Amino acid sequence: MANVISDTENVASAPSAIPIMRRGLVIAGILLIAANLRASITVVGPLLGEVRTDLDISSTT
């Protein structure tokens, strides 16, 4: 009987680990996406002058 009770306790505690792991994976995914997008955003700054010149865009419009 003691084995049945301990097995039930182990099964009941297992699902609580899944949301914690899922939360960690979501945070890791967001950080990886942010790191991936950072390079494309930082490249735009130095090129703005050339883009503005090529498209004949002034600072006021």
PDB file of N, CA and C in Angstrom:
ATOM      1  N   MET A   1       0.807  -1.197   0.000  1.00  0.00           N
ATOM      2  CA  MET A   1       0.000   0.000   0.000  1.00  0.00           C
ATOM      3  C   MET A   1       0.850   1.262   0.000  1.00  0.00           C
ATOM      4  N   ALA A   2       1.976   1.212   0.666  1.00  0.00           N
ATOM      5  CA  ALA A   2       2.818   2.405   0.734  1.00  0.00           C
ATOM      6  C   ALA A   2       3.333   2.782  -0.646  1.00  0.00           C
ATOM      7  N   ASN A   3       3.589   1.802  -1.485  1.00  0.00           N
ATOM      8  CA  ASN A   3       4.060   2.076  -2.838  1.00  0.00           C
ATOM      9  C   ASN A   3       3.002   2.767  -3.678  1.00  0.00           C
ATOM     10  N   VAL A   4       1.764   2.403  -3.494  1.00  0.00           N
ATOM     11  CA  VAL A   4       0.674   3.012  -4.252  1.00  0.00           C
ATOM     12  C   VAL A   4       0.543   4.479  -3.889  1.00  0.00           C
ATOM     13  N   ILE A   5       0.649   4.793  -2.625  1.00  0.00           N
ATOM     14  CA  ILE A   5       0.531   6.189  -2.186  1.00  0.00           C
ATOM     15  C   ILE A   5       1.710   7.004  -2.699  1.00  0.00           C
ATOM     16  N   SER A   6       2.920   6.479  -2.628  1.00  0.00           N
ATOM     17  CA  SER A   6       4.080   7.235  -3.099  1.00  0.00           C
ATOM     18  C   SER A   6       4.046   7.417  -4.609  1.00  0.00           C
ATOM     19  N   ASP A   7       3.546   6.424  -5.353  1.00  0.00           N
ATOM     20  CA  ASP A   7       3.421   6.573  -6.801  1.00  0.00           C
ATOM     21  C   ASP A   7       2.408   7.647  -7.155  1.00  0.00           C
ATOM     22  N   THR A   8       1.327   7.713  -6.413  1.00  0.00           N
ATOM     23  CA  THR A   8       0.303   8.726  -6.659  1.00  0.00           C
ATOM     24  C   THR A   8       0.855  10.115  -6.386  1.00  0.00           C
ATOM     25  N   GLU A   9       1.652  10.259  -5.352  1.00  0.00           N
ATOM     26  CA  GLU A   9       2.240  11.559  -5.034  1.00  0.00           C
ATOM     27  C   GLU A   9       3.214  11.991  -6.125  1.00  0.00           C
ATOM     28  N   ASN A  10       3.993  11.069  -6.653  1.00  0.00           N
ATOM     29  CA  ASN A  10       4.935  11.403  -7.718  1.00  0.00           C
ATOM     30  C   ASN A  10       4.212  11.830  -8.989  1.00  0.00           C
ATOM     31  N   VAL A  11       3.140  11.165  -9.315  1.00  0.00           N
ATOM     32  CA  VAL A  11       2.372  11.507 -10.511  1.00  0.00           C
ATOM     33  C   VAL A  11       1.729  12.874 -10.343  1.00  0.00           C
ATOM     34  N   ALA A  12       1.244  13.170  -9.157  1.00  0.00           N
ATOM     35  CA  ALA A  12       0.584  14.451  -8.915  1.00  0.00           C
ATOM     36  C   ALA A  12       1.570  15.607  -8.982  1.00  0.00           C
ATOM     37  N   SER A  13       2.824  15.388  -8.622  1.00  0.00           N
ATOM     38  CA  SER A  13       3.793  16.481  -8.636  1.00  0.00           C
ATOM     39  C   SER A  13       4.430  16.681 -10.009  1.00  0.00           C
ATOM     40  N   ALA A  14       4.351  15.705 -10.890  1.00  0.00           N
ATOM     41  CA  ALA A  14       4.982  15.807 -12.203  1.00  0.00           C
ATOM     42  C   ALA A  14       4.379  16.897 -13.091  1.00  0.00           C
ATOM     43  N   PRO A  15       3.056  17.055 -13.195  1.00  0.00           N
ATOM     44  CA  PRO A  15       2.513  18.090 -14.086  1.00  0.00           C
ATOM     45  C   PRO A  15       2.901  19.513 -13.690  1.00  0.00           C
ATOM     46  N   SER A  16       3.208  19.759 -12.430  1.00  0.00           N
ATOM     47  CA  SER A  16       3.583  21.114 -12.034  1.00  0.00           C
ATOM     48  C   SER A  16       4.935  21.517 -12.615  1.00  0.00           C
ATOM     49  N   ALA A  17       5.767  20.556 -12.973  1.00  0.00           N
ATOM     50  CA  ALA A  17       7.065  20.866 -13.567  1.00  0.00           C
ATOM     51  C   ALA A  17       6.920  21.290 -15.022  1.00  0.00           C
ATOM     52  N   ILE A  18       5.869  20.861 -15.690  1.00  0.00           N
ATOM     53  CA  ILE A  18       5.683  21.182 -17.108  1.00  0.00           C
ATOM     54  C   ILE A  18       5.465  22.679 -17.336  1.00  0.00           C
ATOM     55  N   PRO A  19       4.572  23.359 -16.590  1.00  0.00           N
ATOM     56  CA  PRO A  19       4.409  24.801 -16.825  1.00  0.00           C
ATOM     57  C   PRO A  19       5.684  25.602 -16.552  1.00  0.00           C
ATOM     58  N   ILE A  20       6.469  25.182 -15.576  1.00  0.00           N
ATOM     59  CA  ILE A  20       7.723  25.883 -15.285  1.00  0.00           C
ATOM     60  C   ILE A  20       8.681  25.725 -16.456  1.00  0.00           C
ATOM     61  N   MET A  21       8.760  24.528 -17.004  1.00  0.00           N
ATOM     62  CA  MET A  21       9.636  24.286 -18.154  1.00  0.00           C
ATOM     63  C   MET A  21       9.133  25.050 -19.374  1.00  0.00           C
ATOM     64  N   ARG A  22       7.823  25.070 -19.559  1.00  0.00           N
ATOM     65  CA  ARG A  22       7.243  25.780 -20.698  1.00  0.00           C
ATOM     66  C   ARG A  22       7.516  27.276 -20.581  1.00  0.00           C
ATOM     67  N   ARG A  23       7.399  27.823 -19.382  1.00  0.00           N
ATOM     68  CA  ARG A  23       7.671  29.242 -19.172  1.00  0.00           C
ATOM     69  C   ARG A  23       9.127  29.562 -19.491  1.00  0.00           C
ATOM     70  N   GLY A  24      10.026  28.682 -19.088  1.00  0.00           N
ATOM     71  CA  GLY A  24      11.442  28.877 -19.390  1.00  0.00           C
ATOM     72  C   GLY A  24      11.724  28.831 -20.883  1.00  0.00           C
ATOM     73  N   LEU A  25      11.056  27.924 -21.583  1.00  0.00           N
ATOM     74  CA  LEU A  25      11.244  27.834 -23.031  1.00  0.00           C
ATOM     75  C   LEU A  25      10.694  29.064 -23.746  1.00  0.00           C
ATOM     76  N   VAL A  26       9.572  29.590 -23.266  1.00  0.00           N
ATOM     77  CA  VAL A  26       9.004  30.800 -23.876  1.00  0.00           C
ATOM     78  C   VAL A  26       9.943  31.979 -23.675  1.00  0.00           C
ATOM     79  N   ILE A  27      10.481  32.130 -22.483  1.00  0.00           N
ATOM     80  CA  ILE A  27      11.416  33.230 -22.208  1.00  0.00           C
ATOM     81  C   ILE A  27      12.675  33.075 -23.053  1.00  0.00           C
ATOM     82  N   ALA A  28      13.196  31.862 -23.156  1.00  0.00           N
ATOM     83  CA  ALA A  28      14.385  31.630 -23.980  1.00  0.00           C
ATOM     84  C   ALA A  28      14.097  31.933 -25.445  1.00  0.00           C
ATOM     85  N   GLY A  29      12.916  31.564 -25.920  1.00  0.00           N
ATOM     86  CA  GLY A  29      12.541  31.857 -27.301  1.00  0.00           C
ATOM     87  C   GLY A  29      12.443  33.341 -27.571  1.00  0.00           C
ATOM     88  N   ILE A  30      11.852  34.080 -26.639  1.00  0.00           N
ATOM     89  CA  ILE A  30      11.743  35.534 -26.797  1.00  0.00           C
ATOM     90  C   ILE A  30      13.121  36.171 -26.826  1.00  0.00           C
ATOM     91  N   LEU A  31      14.010  35.723 -25.957  1.00  0.00           N
ATOM     92  CA  LEU A  31      15.366  36.275 -25.939  1.00  0.00           C
ATOM     93  C   LEU A  31      16.122  35.959 -27.230  1.00  0.00           C
ATOM     94  N   LEU A  32      15.941  34.761 -27.761  1.00  0.00           N
ATOM     95  CA  LEU A  32      16.609  34.412 -29.019  1.00  0.00           C
ATOM     96  C   LEU A  32      16.070  35.232 -30.188  1.00  0.00           C
ATOM     97  N   ILE A  33      14.769  35.452 -30.216  1.00  0.00           N
ATOM     98  CA  ILE A  33      14.185  36.283 -31.273  1.00  0.00           C
ATOM     99  C   ILE A  33      14.682  37.714 -31.147  1.00  0.00           C
ATOM    100  N   ALA A  34      14.743  38.236 -29.922  1.00  0.00           N
ATOM    101  CA  ALA A  34      15.223  39.600 -29.709  1.00  0.00           C
ATOM    102  C   ALA A  34      16.679  39.741 -30.145  1.00  0.00           C
ATOM    103  N   ALA A  35      17.495  38.755 -29.833  1.00  0.00           N
ATOM    104  CA  ALA A  35      18.899  38.807 -30.244  1.00  0.00           C
ATOM    105  C   ALA A  35      19.032  38.727 -31.757  1.00  0.00           C
ATOM    106  N   ASN A  36      18.168  37.976 -32.393  1.00  0.00           N
ATOM    107  CA  ASN A  36      18.212  37.841 -33.843  1.00  0.00           C
ATOM    108  C   ASN A  36      17.782  39.137 -34.532  1.00  0.00           C
ATOM    109  N   LEU A  37      16.789  39.816 -34.002  1.00  0.00           N
ATOM    110  CA  LEU A  37      16.297  41.054 -34.613  1.00  0.00           C
ATOM    111  C   LEU A  37      17.209  42.246 -34.325  1.00  0.00           C
ATOM    112  N   ARG A  38      18.032  42.148 -33.297  1.00  0.00           N
ATOM    113  CA  ARG A  38      18.894  43.267 -32.919  1.00  0.00           C
ATOM    114  C   ARG A  38      19.840  43.655 -34.053  1.00  0.00           C
ATOM    115  N   ALA A  39      20.387  42.703 -34.750  1.00  0.00           N
ATOM    116  CA  ALA A  39      21.337  42.993 -35.827  1.00  0.00           C
ATOM    117  C   ALA A  39      20.675  43.766 -36.958  1.00  0.00           C
ATOM    118  N   SER A  40      19.479  43.405 -37.327  1.00  0.00           N
ATOM    119  CA  SER A  40      18.814  44.103 -38.432  1.00  0.00           C
ATOM    120  C   SER A  40      18.402  45.513 -38.041  1.00  0.00           C
ATOM    121  N   ILE A  41      18.096  45.740 -36.782  1.00  0.00           N
ATOM    122  CA  ILE A  41      17.714  47.083 -36.343  1.00  0.00           C
ATOM    123  C   ILE A  41      18.940  47.990 -36.255  1.00  0.00           C
ATOM    124  N   THR A  42      20.074  47.483 -35.791  1.00  0.00           N
ATOM    125  CA  THR A  42      21.263  48.319 -35.642  1.00  0.00           C
ATOM    126  C   THR A  42      21.883  48.691 -36.982  1.00  0.00           C
ATOM    127  N   VAL A  43      21.610  47.945 -38.028  1.00  0.00           N
ATOM    128  CA  VAL A  43      22.164  48.239 -39.349  1.00  0.00           C
ATOM    129  C   VAL A  43      21.436  49.415 -40.001  1.00  0.00           C
ATOM    130  N   VAL A  44      20.197  49.649 -39.632  1.00  0.00           N
ATOM    131  CA  VAL A  44      19.391  50.684 -40.282  1.00  0.00           C
ATOM    132  C   VAL A  44      19.944  52.084 -40.022  1.00  0.00           C
ATOM    133  N   GLY A  45      20.421  52.360 -38.833  1.00  0.00           N
ATOM    134  CA  GLY A  45      20.898  53.697 -38.469  1.00  0.00           C
ATOM    135  C   GLY A  45      21.934  54.274 -39.419  1.00  0.00           C
ATOM    136  N   PRO A  46      23.039  53.599 -39.655  1.00  0.00           N
ATOM    137  CA  PRO A  46      24.050  54.140 -40.562  1.00  0.00           C
ATOM    138  C   PRO A  46      23.588  54.272 -42.016  1.00  0.00           C
ATOM    139  N   LEU A  47      22.579  53.533 -42.407  1.00  0.00           N
ATOM    140  CA  LEU A  47      22.112  53.574 -43.791  1.00  0.00           C
ATOM    141  C   LEU A  47      21.015  54.606 -44.034  1.00  0.00           C
ATOM    142  N   LEU A  48      20.504  55.236 -42.986  1.00  0.00           N
ATOM    143  CA  LEU A  48      19.397  56.176 -43.162  1.00  0.00           C
ATOM    144  C   LEU A  48      19.750  57.335 -44.082  1.00  0.00           C
ATOM    145  N   GLY A  49      20.954  57.837 -43.992  1.00  0.00           N
ATOM    146  CA  GLY A  49      21.371  58.934 -44.870  1.00  0.00           C
ATOM    147  C   GLY A  49      21.325  58.542 -46.336  1.00  0.00           C
ATOM    148  N   GLU A  50      21.834  57.380 -46.642  1.00  0.00           N
ATOM    149  CA  GLU A  50      21.820  56.907 -48.029  1.00  0.00           C
ATOM    150  C   GLU A  50      20.400  56.637 -48.522  1.00  0.00           C
ATOM    151  N   VAL A  51      19.572  56.070 -47.680  1.00  0.00           N
ATOM    152  CA  VAL A  51      18.182  55.800 -48.063  1.00  0.00           C
ATOM    153  C   VAL A  51      17.449  57.109 -48.307  1.00  0.00           C
ATOM    154  N   ARG A  52      17.670  58.079 -47.430  1.00  0.00           N
ATOM    155  CA  ARG A  52      17.021  59.383 -47.578  1.00  0.00           C
ATOM    156  C   ARG A  52      17.452  60.055 -48.884  1.00  0.00           C
ATOM    157  N   THR A  53      18.734  59.949 -49.214  1.00  0.00           N
ATOM    158  CA  THR A  53      19.237  60.553 -50.451  1.00  0.00           C
ATOM    159  C   THR A  53      18.680  59.836 -51.682  1.00  0.00           C
ATOM    160  N   ASP A  54      18.686  58.534 -51.669  1.00  0.00           N
ATOM    161  CA  ASP A  54      18.198  57.763 -52.815  1.00  0.00           C
ATOM    162  C   ASP A  54      16.707  57.977 -53.071  1.00  0.00           C
ATOM    163  N   LEU A  55      15.928  58.143 -52.017  1.00  0.00           N
ATOM    164  CA  LEU A  55      14.483  58.301 -52.177  1.00  0.00           C
ATOM    165  C   LEU A  55      14.052  59.766 -52.235  1.00  0.00           C
ATOM    166  N   ASP A  56      15.007  60.688 -52.200  1.00  0.00           N
ATOM    167  CA  ASP A  56      14.731  62.130 -52.201  1.00  0.00           C
ATOM    168  C   ASP A  56      13.739  62.519 -51.107  1.00  0.00           C
ATOM    169  N   ILE A  57      14.010  62.065 -49.895  1.00  0.00           N
ATOM    170  CA  ILE A  57      13.165  62.387 -48.743  1.00  0.00           C
ATOM    171  C   ILE A  57      13.878  63.451 -47.922  1.00  0.00           C
ATOM    172  N   SER A  58      13.167  64.527 -47.618  1.00  0.00           N
ATOM    173  CA  SER A  58      13.763  65.558 -46.774  1.00  0.00           C
ATOM    174  C   SER A  58      13.420  65.274 -45.313  1.00  0.00           C
ATOM    175  N   SER A  59      14.060  65.988 -44.413  1.00  0.00           N
ATOM    176  CA  SER A  59      13.820  65.793 -42.989  1.00  0.00           C
ATOM    177  C   SER A  59      12.460  66.313 -42.556  1.00  0.00           C
ATOM    178  N   THR A  60      11.885  67.224 -43.319  1.00  0.00           N
ATOM    179  CA  THR A  60      10.619  67.835 -42.915  1.00  0.00           C
ATOM    180  C   THR A  60       9.401  67.074 -43.412  1.00  0.00           C
ATOM    181  N   THR A  61       9.557  66.196 -44.399  1.00  0.00           N
ATOM    182  CA  THR A  61       8.376  65.487 -44.916  1.00  0.00           C
ATOM    183  C   THR A  61       8.350  64.050 -44.507  1.00  0.00           C
TER     184      THR A  61
END
